PDB file of N, CA and C in Angstrom:
ATOM      1  N   MET A   1       0.371  -1.022  -0.063  1.00  0.00           N
ATOM      2  CA  MET A   1       0.094  -0.091  -0.001  1.00  0.00           C
ATOM      3  C   MET A   1       0.819   1.594  -0.123  1.00  0.00           C
ATOM      4  N   VAL A   2       1.817   1.545   0.501  1.00  0.00           N
ATOM      5  CA  VAL A   2       2.698   2.013   1.120  1.00  0.00           C
ATOM      6  C   VAL A   2       3.175   2.740  -0.373  1.00  0.00           C
ATOM      7  N   GLU A   3       3.921   1.227  -1.260  1.00  0.00           N
ATOM      8  CA  GLU A   3       4.458   1.675  -2.426  1.00  0.00           C
ATOM      9  C   GLU A   3       3.673   2.649  -3.314  1.00  0.00           C
ATOM     10  N   ALA A   4       2.358   1.874  -3.913  1.00  0.00           N
ATOM     11  CA  ALA A   4       0.875   2.693  -4.001  1.00  0.00           C
ATOM     12  C   ALA A   4       0.910   3.224  -3.785  1.00  0.00           C
ATOM     13  N   ILE A   5       0.839   4.244  -2.569  1.00  0.00           N
ATOM     14  CA  ILE A   5       0.931   5.963  -2.288  1.00  0.00           C
ATOM     15  C   ILE A   5       2.118   6.519  -2.917  1.00  0.00           C
ATOM     16  N   LEU A   6       3.323   6.416  -2.798  1.00  0.00           N
ATOM     17  CA  LEU A   6       4.611   6.466  -2.784  1.00  0.00           C
ATOM     18  C   LEU A   6       5.024   6.813  -4.162  1.00  0.00           C
ATOM     19  N   LYS A   7       4.602   5.735  -5.193  1.00  0.00           N
ATOM     20  CA  LYS A   7       5.080   6.012  -6.805  1.00  0.00           C
ATOM     21  C   LYS A   7       3.935   6.320  -7.535  1.00  0.00           C
ATOM     22  N   ASP A   8       2.460   6.430  -6.798  1.00  0.00           N
ATOM     23  CA  ASP A   8       1.123   7.060  -7.720  1.00  0.00           C
ATOM     24  C   ASP A   8       0.981   5.739  -8.045  1.00  0.00           C
ATOM     25  N   LYS A   9       0.770   4.754  -7.686  1.00  0.00           N
ATOM     26  CA  LYS A   9       0.328   3.645  -9.003  1.00  0.00           C
ATOM     27  C   LYS A   9      -0.800   2.822  -8.939  1.00  0.00           C
ATOM     28  N   LYS A  10      -1.598   3.830  -8.298  1.00  0.00           N
ATOM     29  CA  LYS A  10      -3.558   3.865  -8.877  1.00  0.00           C
ATOM     30  C   LYS A  10      -3.744   2.262  -8.542  1.00  0.00           C
ATOM     31  N   LEU A  11      -2.873   1.841  -7.378  1.00  0.00           N
ATOM     32  CA  LEU A  11      -3.291   0.823  -7.240  1.00  0.00           C
ATOM     33  C   LEU A  11      -4.857  -0.061  -6.694  1.00  0.00           C
ATOM     34  N   VAL A  12      -5.648  -0.868  -7.280  1.00  0.00           N
ATOM     35  CA  VAL A  12      -7.168  -1.988  -6.575  1.00  0.00           C
ATOM     36  C   VAL A  12      -6.812  -2.648  -5.550  1.00  0.00           C
ATOM     37  N   VAL A  13      -7.274  -1.481  -3.867  1.00  0.00           N
ATOM     38  CA  VAL A  13      -6.839  -2.724  -3.300  1.00  0.00           C
ATOM     39  C   VAL A  13      -8.008  -2.435  -1.981  1.00  0.00           C
ATOM     40  N   SER A  14      -8.590  -3.688  -0.971  1.00  0.00           N
ATOM     41  CA  SER A  14      -9.433  -3.509  -0.418  1.00  0.00           C
ATOM     42  C   SER A  14      -8.768  -2.588   0.935  1.00  0.00           C
ATOM     43  N   VAL A  15      -9.878  -1.770   1.565  1.00  0.00           N
ATOM     44  CA  VAL A  15      -8.814  -1.249   2.164  1.00  0.00           C
ATOM     45  C   VAL A  15     -10.395  -0.745   3.225  1.00  0.00           C
ATOM     46  N   SER A  16     -10.160  -0.075   4.775  1.00  0.00           N
ATOM     47  CA  SER A  16     -11.111   0.132   5.266  1.00  0.00           C
ATOM     48  C   SER A  16     -11.117   1.572   5.474  1.00  0.00           C
ATOM     49  N   ALA A  17     -12.049   1.933   4.707  1.00  0.00           N
ATOM     50  CA  ALA A  17     -12.698   3.303   4.280  1.00  0.00           C
ATOM     51  C   ALA A  17     -13.633   4.096   5.016  1.00  0.00           C
ATOM     52  N   TYR A  18     -13.848   5.542   4.997  1.00  0.00           N
ATOM     53  CA  TYR A  18     -14.740   6.260   5.521  1.00  0.00           C
ATOM     54  C   TYR A  18     -15.895   5.861   4.678  1.00  0.00           C
ATOM     55  N   LEU A  19     -17.030   5.975   4.380  1.00  0.00           N
ATOM     56  CA  LEU A  19     -18.098   5.869   3.968  1.00  0.00           C
ATOM     57  C   LEU A  19     -18.898   7.078   3.790  1.00  0.00           C
ATOM     58  N   ASP A  20     -19.230   7.757   2.859  1.00  0.00           N
ATOM     59  CA  ASP A  20     -20.146   8.848   3.030  1.00  0.00           C
ATOM     60  C   ASP A  20     -21.077   8.389   1.832  1.00  0.00           C
ATOM     61  N   GLY A  21     -22.219   7.716   1.741  1.00  0.00           N
ATOM     62  CA  GLY A  21     -23.069   7.894   0.547  1.00  0.00           C
ATOM     63  C   GLY A  21     -23.094   6.114  -0.306  1.00  0.00           C
ATOM     64  N   GLU A  22     -21.567   6.010  -0.175  1.00  0.00           N
ATOM     65  CA  GLU A  22     -20.896   4.544  -0.904  1.00  0.00           C
ATOM     66  C   GLU A  22     -21.756   3.316  -0.271  1.00  0.00           C
ATOM     67  N   TYR A  23     -22.422   2.486  -1.517  1.00  0.00           N
ATOM     68  CA  TYR A  23     -22.898   1.394  -1.067  1.00  0.00           C
ATOM     69  C   TYR A  23     -23.795   1.897  -0.065  1.00  0.00           C
ATOM     70  N   GLY A  24     -24.871   3.320  -0.461  1.00  0.00           N
ATOM     71  CA  GLY A  24     -25.700   3.037   0.738  1.00  0.00           C
ATOM     72  C   GLY A  24     -25.279   3.557   1.655  1.00  0.00           C
ATOM     73  N   LEU A  25     -24.196   3.566   2.163  1.00  0.00           N
ATOM     74  CA  LEU A  25     -23.766   3.553   4.353  1.00  0.00           C
ATOM     75  C   LEU A  25     -22.766   4.809   4.582  1.00  0.00           C
ATOM     76  N   ARG A  26     -23.254   5.865   5.256  1.00  0.00           N
ATOM     77  CA  ARG A  26     -22.787   6.706   6.008  1.00  0.00           C
ATOM     78  C   ARG A  26     -22.494   6.945   6.797  1.00  0.00           C
ATOM     79  N   ASP A  27     -21.485   7.249   7.605  1.00  0.00           N
ATOM     80  CA  ASP A  27     -20.436   7.656   8.947  1.00  0.00           C
ATOM     81  C   ASP A  27     -20.104   6.594   9.558  1.00  0.00           C
ATOM     82  N   ILE A  28     -19.397   5.338   8.529  1.00  0.00           N
ATOM     83  CA  ILE A  28     -18.835   4.048   9.072  1.00  0.00           C
ATOM     84  C   ILE A  28     -17.860   4.039   8.473  1.00  0.00           C
ATOM     85  N   CYS A  29     -16.502   3.685   8.759  1.00  0.00           N
ATOM     86  CA  CYS A  29     -15.567   2.708   8.096  1.00  0.00           C
ATOM     87  C   CYS A  29     -15.656   1.548   7.675  1.00  0.00           C
ATOM     88  N   PHE A  30     -15.705   0.591   6.620  1.00  0.00           N
ATOM     89  CA  PHE A  30     -16.123  -0.583   6.370  1.00  0.00           C
ATOM     90  C   PHE A  30     -14.604  -1.113   5.139  1.00  0.00           C
ATOM     91  N   GLY A  31     -14.679  -2.313   5.023  1.00  0.00           N
ATOM     92  CA  GLY A  31     -13.833  -2.369   3.925  1.00  0.00           C
ATOM     93  C   GLY A  31     -14.092  -2.302   2.636  1.00  0.00           C
ATOM     94  N   VAL A  32     -13.975  -1.847   1.730  1.00  0.00           N
ATOM     95  CA  VAL A  32     -14.523  -1.767   0.547  1.00  0.00           C
ATOM     96  C   VAL A  32     -13.147  -1.617  -0.542  1.00  0.00           C
ATOM     97  N   PRO A  33     -13.490  -1.990  -2.017  1.00  0.00           N
ATOM     98  CA  PRO A  33     -11.887  -1.468  -2.659  1.00  0.00           C
ATOM     99  C   PRO A  33     -12.303  -0.172  -3.161  1.00  0.00           C
ATOM    100  N   VAL A  34     -10.815  -0.155  -3.068  1.00  0.00           N
ATOM    101  CA  VAL A  34     -10.277   1.756  -3.538  1.00  0.00           C
ATOM    102  C   VAL A  34      -9.566   1.509  -4.314  1.00  0.00           C
ATOM    103  N   LYS A  35      -8.928   3.308  -4.490  1.00  0.00           N
ATOM    104  CA  LYS A  35      -7.907   2.863  -6.012  1.00  0.00           C
ATOM    105  C   LYS A  35      -6.836   3.902  -5.146  1.00  0.00           C
ATOM    106  N   LEU A  36      -5.892   3.561  -4.922  1.00  0.00           N
ATOM    107  CA  LEU A  36      -4.586   4.501  -4.044  1.00  0.00           C
ATOM    108  C   LEU A  36      -3.838   4.936  -4.764  1.00  0.00           C
ATOM    109  N   GLY A  37      -3.458   6.017  -4.679  1.00  0.00           N
ATOM    110  CA  GLY A  37      -2.570   6.846  -5.330  1.00  0.00           C
ATOM    111  C   GLY A  37      -1.516   8.283  -4.623  1.00  0.00           C
ATOM    112  N   ARG A  38      -1.519   8.544  -5.439  1.00  0.00           N
ATOM    113  CA  ARG A  38      -0.056   9.777  -4.095  1.00  0.00           C
ATOM    114  C   ARG A  38      -1.274  10.540  -3.323  1.00  0.00           C
ATOM    115  N   ASN A  39      -2.690  10.316  -3.258  1.00  0.00           N
ATOM    116  CA  ASN A  39      -3.635  11.142  -2.304  1.00  0.00           C
ATOM    117  C   ASN A  39      -4.084  10.354  -1.549  1.00  0.00           C
ATOM    118  N   GLY A  40      -3.390   9.109  -1.157  1.00  0.00           N
ATOM    119  CA  GLY A  40      -4.357   7.960  -0.391  1.00  0.00           C
ATOM    120  C   GLY A  40      -5.113   7.033  -1.307  1.00  0.00           C
ATOM    121  N   ILE A  41      -6.293   7.760  -0.611  1.00  0.00           N
ATOM    122  CA  ILE A  41      -7.660   6.720  -1.437  1.00  0.00           C
ATOM    123  C   ILE A  41      -8.308   7.949  -2.309  1.00  0.00           C
ATOM    124  N   GLU A  42      -7.839   8.064  -3.821  1.00  0.00           N
ATOM    125  CA  GLU A  42      -8.038   8.362  -4.371  1.00  0.00           C
ATOM    126  C   GLU A  42      -9.766   8.010  -4.982  1.00  0.00           C
ATOM    127  N   GLN A  43     -10.183   7.168  -4.547  1.00  0.00           N
ATOM    128  CA  GLN A  43     -11.982   6.823  -5.297  1.00  0.00           C
ATOM    129  C   GLN A  43     -11.887   5.199  -4.554  1.00  0.00           C
ATOM    130  N   ILE A  44     -13.240   5.694  -3.818  1.00  0.00           N
ATOM    131  CA  ILE A  44     -13.811   4.333  -3.901  1.00  0.00           C
ATOM    132  C   ILE A  44     -14.587   3.664  -4.959  1.00  0.00           C
ATOM    133  N   LEU A  45     -14.273   2.295  -5.041  1.00  0.00           N
ATOM    134  CA  LEU A  45     -15.200   1.697  -6.255  1.00  0.00           C
ATOM    135  C   LEU A  45     -16.382   1.198  -5.884  1.00  0.00           C
ATOM    136  N   GLN A  46     -17.422   1.498  -6.688  1.00  0.00           N
ATOM    137  CA  GLN A  46     -18.597   0.755  -5.908  1.00  0.00           C
ATOM    138  C   GLN A  46     -18.541  -0.557  -6.910  1.00  0.00           C
ATOM    139  N   VAL A  47     -18.637  -2.050  -6.351  1.00  0.00           N
ATOM    140  CA  VAL A  47     -18.804  -3.016  -6.715  1.00  0.00           C
ATOM    141  C   VAL A  47     -20.755  -3.455  -7.124  1.00  0.00           C
ATOM    142  N   GLU A  48     -21.314  -3.512  -7.958  1.00  0.00           N
ATOM    143  CA  GLU A  48     -22.651  -4.125  -7.956  1.00  0.00           C
ATOM    144  C   GLU A  48     -22.708  -5.450  -6.900  1.00  0.00           C
ATOM    145  N   LEU A  49     -23.448  -5.483  -6.045  1.00  0.00           N
ATOM    146  CA  LEU A  49     -24.087  -6.086  -4.987  1.00  0.00           C
ATOM    147  C   LEU A  49     -25.453  -7.206  -5.556  1.00  0.00           C
ATOM    148  N   ASP A  50     -25.447  -7.768  -5.438  1.00  0.00           N
ATOM    149  CA  ASP A  50     -26.417  -9.042  -5.830  1.00  0.00           C
ATOM    150  C   ASP A  50     -27.394  -8.536  -3.974  1.00  0.00           C
ATOM    151  N   GLN A  51     -28.556  -9.118  -3.771  1.00  0.00           N
ATOM    152  CA  GLN A  51     -29.683  -9.224  -3.414  1.00  0.00           C
ATOM    153  C   GLN A  51     -28.752  -9.622  -1.863  1.00  0.00           C
ATOM    154  N   GLU A  52     -28.378 -10.904  -1.975  1.00  0.00           N
ATOM    155  CA  GLU A  52     -27.702 -11.517  -0.797  1.00  0.00           C
ATOM    156  C   GLU A  52     -26.422 -10.954  -0.074  1.00  0.00           C
ATOM    157  N   GLU A  53     -25.703 -10.261  -1.252  1.00  0.00           N
ATOM    158  CA  GLU A  53     -24.273  -9.413  -0.802  1.00  0.00           C
ATOM    159  C   GLU A  53     -24.879  -8.134  -0.101  1.00  0.00           C
ATOM    160  N   GLN A  54     -25.693  -7.909  -0.378  1.00  0.00           N
ATOM    161  CA  GLN A  54     -26.424  -6.429   0.639  1.00  0.00           C
ATOM    162  C   GLN A  54     -26.861  -7.187   1.507  1.00  0.00           C
ATOM    163  N   THR A  55     -27.453  -7.826   1.637  1.00  0.00           N
ATOM    164  CA  THR A  55     -28.446  -8.422   3.330  1.00  0.00           C
ATOM    165  C   THR A  55     -26.855  -8.721   3.835  1.00  0.00           C
ATOM    166  N   MET A  56     -25.897  -9.289   3.383  1.00  0.00           N
ATOM    167  CA  MET A  56     -24.817  -9.547   4.139  1.00  0.00           C
ATOM    168  C   MET A  56     -24.110  -8.220   4.564  1.00  0.00           C
ATOM    169  N   LEU A  57     -23.918  -7.620   3.504  1.00  0.00           N
ATOM    170  CA  LEU A  57     -23.603  -6.198   4.257  1.00  0.00           C
ATOM    171  C   LEU A  57     -23.665  -5.402   4.806  1.00  0.00           C
ATOM    172  N   GLU A  58     -25.217  -5.707   4.863  1.00  0.00           N
ATOM    173  CA  GLU A  58     -26.301  -4.708   6.100  1.00  0.00           C
ATOM    174  C   GLU A  58     -26.091  -5.635   7.103  1.00  0.00           C
ATOM    175  N   LYS A  59     -25.666  -7.029   7.467  1.00  0.00           N
ATOM    176  CA  LYS A  59     -26.000  -7.318   8.626  1.00  0.00           C
ATOM    177  C   LYS A  59     -24.816  -7.105   9.522  1.00  0.00           C
ATOM    178  N   SER A  60     -23.704  -7.319   8.371  1.00  0.00           N
ATOM    179  CA  SER A  60     -22.162  -6.860   8.879  1.00  0.00           C
ATOM    180  C   SER A  60     -22.363  -5.261   9.657  1.00  0.00           C
ATOM    181  N   VAL A  61     -22.648  -4.455   8.650  1.00  0.00           N
ATOM    182  CA  VAL A  61     -23.030  -2.897   9.100  1.00  0.00           C
ATOM    183  C   VAL A  61     -23.525  -2.724  10.355  1.00  0.00           C
ATOM    184  N   GLU A  62     -24.430  -3.759  10.660  1.00  0.00           N
ATOM    185  CA  GLU A  62     -25.447  -3.813  12.065  1.00  0.00           C
ATOM    186  C   GLU A  62     -24.191  -3.912  13.032  1.00  0.00           C
ATOM    187  N   LEU A  63     -23.718  -5.350  12.815  1.00  0.00           N
ATOM    188  CA  LEU A  63     -22.872  -5.679  14.181  1.00  0.00           C
ATOM    189  C   LEU A  63     -21.795  -4.486  13.989  1.00  0.00           C
ATOM    190  N   ILE A  64     -21.263  -3.828  13.248  1.00  0.00           N
ATOM    191  CA  ILE A  64     -20.225  -3.176  14.013  1.00  0.00           C
ATOM    192  C   ILE A  64     -20.991  -1.931  14.617  1.00  0.00           C
ATOM    193  N   ARG A  65     -21.931  -1.141  14.334  1.00  0.00           N
ATOM    194  CA  ARG A  65     -22.700  -0.620  14.859  1.00  0.00           C
ATOM    195  C   ARG A  65     -23.318  -1.068  16.093  1.00  0.00           C
ATOM    196  N   GLY A  66     -23.389  -1.951  15.987  1.00  0.00           N
ATOM    197  CA  GLY A  66     -23.632  -2.946  17.684  1.00  0.00           C
ATOM    198  C   GLY A  66     -22.329  -2.647  18.562  1.00  0.00           C
ATOM    199  N   THR A  67     -21.284  -2.767  18.223  1.00  0.00           N
ATOM    200  CA  THR A  67     -20.346  -3.376  18.801  1.00  0.00           C
ATOM    201  C   THR A  67     -19.701  -1.813  19.346  1.00  0.00           C
ATOM    202  N   MET A  68     -19.901  -0.659  18.423  1.00  0.00           N
ATOM    203  CA  MET A  68     -19.714   0.381  18.587  1.00  0.00           C
ATOM    204  C   MET A  68     -20.198   1.184  19.962  1.00  0.00           C
ATOM    205  N   SER A  69     -21.620   0.563  19.763  1.00  0.00           N
ATOM    206  CA  SER A  69     -22.489   1.289  20.554  1.00  0.00           C
ATOM    207  C   SER A  69     -21.971   1.070  22.315  1.00  0.00           C
ATOM    208  N   ALA A  70     -21.190  -0.798  22.070  1.00  0.00           N
ATOM    209  CA  ALA A  70     -21.125  -1.224  23.553  1.00  0.00           C
ATOM    210  C   ALA A  70     -19.856  -0.701  23.589  1.00  0.00           C
ATOM    211  N   LEU A  71     -18.719  -0.191  23.388  1.00  0.00           N
ATOM    212  CA  LEU A  71     -17.915   0.057  23.118  1.00  0.00           C
ATOM    213  C   LEU A  71     -18.011   2.081  24.129  1.00  0.00           C
ATOM    214  N   ARG A  72     -18.931   2.421  23.642  1.00  0.00           N
ATOM    215  CA  ARG A  72     -19.151   3.958  24.133  1.00  0.00           C
ATOM    216  C   ARG A  72     -19.657   3.748  25.437  1.00  0.00           C
ATOM    217  N   LEU A  73     -20.854   2.812  26.249  1.00  0.00           N
ATOM    218  CA  LEU A  73     -21.303   2.916  27.357  1.00  0.00           C
ATOM    219  C   LEU A  73     -20.057   2.705  28.488  1.00  0.00           C
TER     220      LEU A  73
END
C-alpha cells in the first residue's frame, strides 16, 4: 500500500475507508475496494452487489454499529 501511494500506482486494493453514501452507507468505516495513489484513497470503487450480498453487507454494518455502541458505554 505504501508503495502504491509513494509511486502513485493507482493500485486497486481493499481497505477500511470512511463511507459517505457509497454502498448506501454513511458515517462508518468499512472494508471496500479503493484506488490508491499519491493522495491515498483516490476513489472508492462501488461494486454492484446482488440481493444476498447486500443483505450480508447490511448485517455486517449492524454488527459493527452494535459493537461501537457497546464500546461507548
